[in-house]
Amino acid sequence: MGRDWIIDVLADLRSFARDNDLPLLRAQLEEAELVAQVEIASHPAHDTRQHWSEPEAMFAMNTKAGPPRRS
């Protein structure tokens, strides 16, 4: 699944805000949509991040912190 789905969700929320007379929310959602478009455009089309299994991810998180400190 790509990242573009969030643009559709924000558009639906913006329509809801318009239809329910929520101008401040609508303005915030317009800004959020612009931010989402910029961030989506700044990432490569193909997600190149490494995907780990849960045990691998837990090991990576534990080893990043380094050895435990002594008091």
N, C-alpha and C. Protein backbone atom coordinates (compact mmCIF):
# COMPACT_ATOMS: atom_id res chain seq x y z
N MET A 1 0.85 -1.18 0.00
CA MET A 1 0.00 0.00 0.00
C MET A 1 0.89 1.23 0.00
N GLY A 2 0.54 2.17 -0.84
CA GLY A 2 1.30 3.40 -0.92
C GLY A 2 0.91 4.37 0.19
N ARG A 3 1.43 5.55 0.07
CA ARG A 3 1.16 6.57 1.09
C ARG A 3 0.05 7.52 0.68
N ASP A 4 -0.40 7.47 -0.57
CA ASP A 4 -1.37 8.43 -1.08
C ASP A 4 -2.75 8.32 -0.43
N TRP A 5 -3.04 7.22 0.20
CA TRP A 5 -4.36 7.04 0.81
C TRP A 5 -4.64 8.12 1.84
N ILE A 6 -3.61 8.62 2.50
CA ILE A 6 -3.83 9.62 3.55
C ILE A 6 -4.40 10.92 2.95
N ILE A 7 -4.06 11.22 1.70
CA ILE A 7 -4.59 12.41 1.04
C ILE A 7 -6.11 12.28 0.90
N ASP A 8 -6.58 11.09 0.53
CA ASP A 8 -8.02 10.85 0.41
C ASP A 8 -8.72 10.97 1.76
N VAL A 9 -8.10 10.45 2.79
CA VAL A 9 -8.69 10.53 4.14
C VAL A 9 -8.80 11.99 4.58
N LEU A 10 -7.74 12.75 4.37
CA LEU A 10 -7.77 14.16 4.74
C LEU A 10 -8.82 14.93 3.94
N ALA A 11 -8.99 14.59 2.67
CA ALA A 11 -10.01 15.24 1.84
C ALA A 11 -11.41 14.92 2.37
N ASP A 12 -11.64 13.67 2.78
CA ASP A 12 -12.94 13.30 3.36
C ASP A 12 -13.19 14.07 4.65
N LEU A 13 -12.17 14.18 5.48
CA LEU A 13 -12.33 14.93 6.73
C LEU A 13 -12.57 16.41 6.46
N ARG A 14 -11.89 16.95 5.45
CA ARG A 14 -12.09 18.35 5.08
C ARG A 14 -13.53 18.58 4.59
N SER A 15 -14.06 17.65 3.82
CA SER A 15 -15.45 17.75 3.36
C SER A 15 -16.42 17.72 4.54
N PHE A 16 -16.13 16.85 5.50
CA PHE A 16 -16.96 16.78 6.70
C PHE A 16 -16.94 18.13 7.44
N ALA A 17 -15.75 18.70 7.58
CA ALA A 17 -15.62 19.99 8.27
C ALA A 17 -16.39 21.07 7.52
N ARG A 18 -16.30 21.08 6.19
CA ARG A 18 -17.03 22.06 5.38
C ARG A 18 -18.53 21.89 5.55
N ASP A 19 -19.01 20.65 5.45
CA ASP A 19 -20.44 20.37 5.52
C ASP A 19 -21.03 20.62 6.91
N ASN A 20 -20.18 20.63 7.93
CA ASN A 20 -20.65 20.80 9.30
C ASN A 20 -20.22 22.13 9.91
N ASP A 21 -19.90 23.08 9.04
CA ASP A 21 -19.57 24.44 9.45
C ASP A 21 -18.48 24.47 10.53
N LEU A 22 -17.35 23.82 10.21
CA LEU A 22 -16.20 23.79 11.10
C LEU A 22 -15.00 24.41 10.37
N PRO A 23 -15.00 25.74 10.22
CA PRO A 23 -13.98 26.38 9.39
C PRO A 23 -12.55 26.26 9.92
N LEU A 24 -12.37 26.28 11.21
CA LEU A 24 -11.02 26.16 11.76
C LEU A 24 -10.46 24.75 11.51
N LEU A 25 -11.30 23.76 11.70
CA LEU A 25 -10.88 22.39 11.42
C LEU A 25 -10.57 22.22 9.94
N ARG A 26 -11.40 22.79 9.11
CA ARG A 26 -11.17 22.70 7.66
C ARG A 26 -9.82 23.31 7.29
N ALA A 27 -9.49 24.46 7.86
CA ALA A 27 -8.22 25.12 7.58
C ALA A 27 -7.04 24.26 8.03
N GLN A 28 -7.17 23.66 9.20
CA GLN A 28 -6.11 22.79 9.70
C GLN A 28 -5.93 21.56 8.81
N LEU A 29 -7.03 21.02 8.34
CA LEU A 29 -6.95 19.85 7.47
C LEU A 29 -6.34 20.19 6.12
N GLU A 30 -6.61 21.39 5.61
CA GLU A 30 -5.97 21.83 4.37
C GLU A 30 -4.46 21.91 4.56
N GLU A 31 -4.05 22.45 5.70
CA GLU A 31 -2.62 22.54 5.98
C GLU A 31 -2.01 21.14 6.14
N ALA A 32 -2.72 20.26 6.83
CA ALA A 32 -2.24 18.90 7.01
C ALA A 32 -2.08 18.19 5.67
N GLU A 33 -3.00 18.45 4.75
CA GLU A 33 -2.91 17.83 3.43
C GLU A 33 -1.67 18.32 2.68
N LEU A 34 -1.38 19.62 2.79
CA LEU A 34 -0.17 20.15 2.15
C LEU A 34 1.09 19.52 2.75
N VAL A 35 1.12 19.39 4.06
CA VAL A 35 2.26 18.76 4.72
C VAL A 35 2.40 17.32 4.25
N ALA A 36 1.29 16.60 4.20
CA ALA A 36 1.33 15.20 3.74
C ALA A 36 1.84 15.11 2.31
N GLN A 37 1.39 16.00 1.44
CA GLN A 37 1.85 15.97 0.05
C GLN A 37 3.35 16.21 -0.05
N VAL A 38 3.86 17.16 0.72
CA VAL A 38 5.29 17.46 0.71
C VAL A 38 6.09 16.27 1.23
N GLU A 39 5.64 15.70 2.33
CA GLU A 39 6.38 14.57 2.90
C GLU A 39 6.33 13.36 1.99
N ILE A 40 5.19 13.09 1.40
CA ILE A 40 5.08 11.95 0.49
C ILE A 40 6.01 12.16 -0.70
N ALA A 41 6.04 13.38 -1.23
CA ALA A 41 6.89 13.67 -2.38
C ALA A 41 8.37 13.59 -2.03
N SER A 42 8.71 13.80 -0.77
CA SER A 42 10.13 13.79 -0.38
C SER A 42 10.68 12.40 -0.14
N HIS A 43 9.82 11.40 -0.13
CA HIS A 43 10.26 10.02 0.06
C HIS A 43 10.30 9.30 -1.28
N PRO A 44 11.23 8.36 -1.41
CA PRO A 44 11.25 7.59 -2.65
C PRO A 44 9.94 6.81 -2.84
N ALA A 45 9.61 6.55 -4.08
CA ALA A 45 8.36 5.83 -4.37
C ALA A 45 8.35 4.44 -3.76
N HIS A 46 9.52 3.83 -3.71
CA HIS A 46 9.61 2.48 -3.14
C HIS A 46 10.22 2.59 -1.76
N ASP A 47 9.58 2.02 -0.77
CA ASP A 47 10.06 2.06 0.60
C ASP A 47 11.28 1.14 0.72
N THR A 48 12.43 1.74 0.96
CA THR A 48 13.67 0.96 1.02
C THR A 48 14.10 0.65 2.44
N ARG A 49 13.28 1.02 3.42
CA ARG A 49 13.64 0.71 4.81
C ARG A 49 13.68 -0.80 5.02
N GLN A 50 14.54 -1.21 5.93
CA GLN A 50 14.64 -2.63 6.23
C GLN A 50 13.46 -3.03 7.12
N HIS A 51 12.86 -4.15 6.81
CA HIS A 51 11.75 -4.65 7.61
C HIS A 51 12.24 -5.85 8.41
N TRP A 52 12.10 -5.77 9.70
CA TRP A 52 12.56 -6.81 10.60
C TRP A 52 11.39 -7.56 11.20
N SER A 53 11.65 -8.80 11.58
CA SER A 53 10.66 -9.53 12.35
C SER A 53 10.65 -8.93 13.76
N GLU A 54 9.66 -9.23 14.55
CA GLU A 54 9.57 -8.68 15.90
C GLU A 54 10.80 -9.01 16.75
N PRO A 55 11.27 -10.28 16.77
CA PRO A 55 12.47 -10.56 17.58
C PRO A 55 13.69 -9.77 17.10
N GLU A 56 13.85 -9.63 15.78
CA GLU A 56 14.98 -8.86 15.26
C GLU A 56 14.88 -7.39 15.67
N ALA A 57 13.68 -6.84 15.61
CA ALA A 57 13.48 -5.45 15.99
C ALA A 57 13.76 -5.24 17.47
N MET A 58 13.32 -6.16 18.30
CA MET A 58 13.57 -6.05 19.74
C MET A 58 15.07 -6.11 20.01
N PHE A 59 15.77 -7.00 19.33
CA PHE A 59 17.22 -7.11 19.51
C PHE A 59 17.90 -5.82 19.09
N ALA A 60 17.48 -5.26 17.96
CA ALA A 60 18.07 -4.02 17.47
C ALA A 60 17.84 -2.88 18.46
N MET A 61 16.65 -2.79 19.02
CA MET A 61 16.36 -1.73 19.99
C MET A 61 17.22 -1.91 21.23
N ASN A 62 17.39 -3.13 21.69
CA ASN A 62 18.17 -3.37 22.90
C ASN A 62 19.66 -3.10 22.68
N THR A 63 20.17 -3.39 21.52
CA THR A 63 21.60 -3.20 21.27
C THR A 63 21.94 -1.75 20.98
N LYS A 64 21.00 -0.95 20.54
CA LYS A 64 21.27 0.46 20.26
C LYS A 64 21.56 1.22 21.54
N ALA A 65 20.97 0.80 22.63
CA ALA A 65 21.13 1.50 23.89
C ALA A 65 22.51 1.23 24.48
N GLY A 66 23.18 0.18 24.03
CA GLY A 66 24.50 -0.15 24.57
C GLY A 66 24.36 -0.98 25.84
N PRO A 67 25.49 -1.28 26.45
CA PRO A 67 25.46 -2.10 27.66
C PRO A 67 24.81 -1.35 28.81
N PRO A 68 24.23 -2.07 29.75
CA PRO A 68 23.61 -1.38 30.89
C PRO A 68 24.67 -0.66 31.73
N ARG A 69 24.26 0.46 32.29
CA ARG A 69 25.18 1.24 33.12
C ARG A 69 25.08 0.79 34.56
N ARG A 70 26.21 0.92 35.24
CA ARG A 70 26.21 0.61 36.67
C ARG A 70 26.06 1.92 37.45
N SER A 71 25.40 1.84 38.56
CA SER A 71 25.19 3.05 39.38
C SER A 71 26.40 3.34 40.22
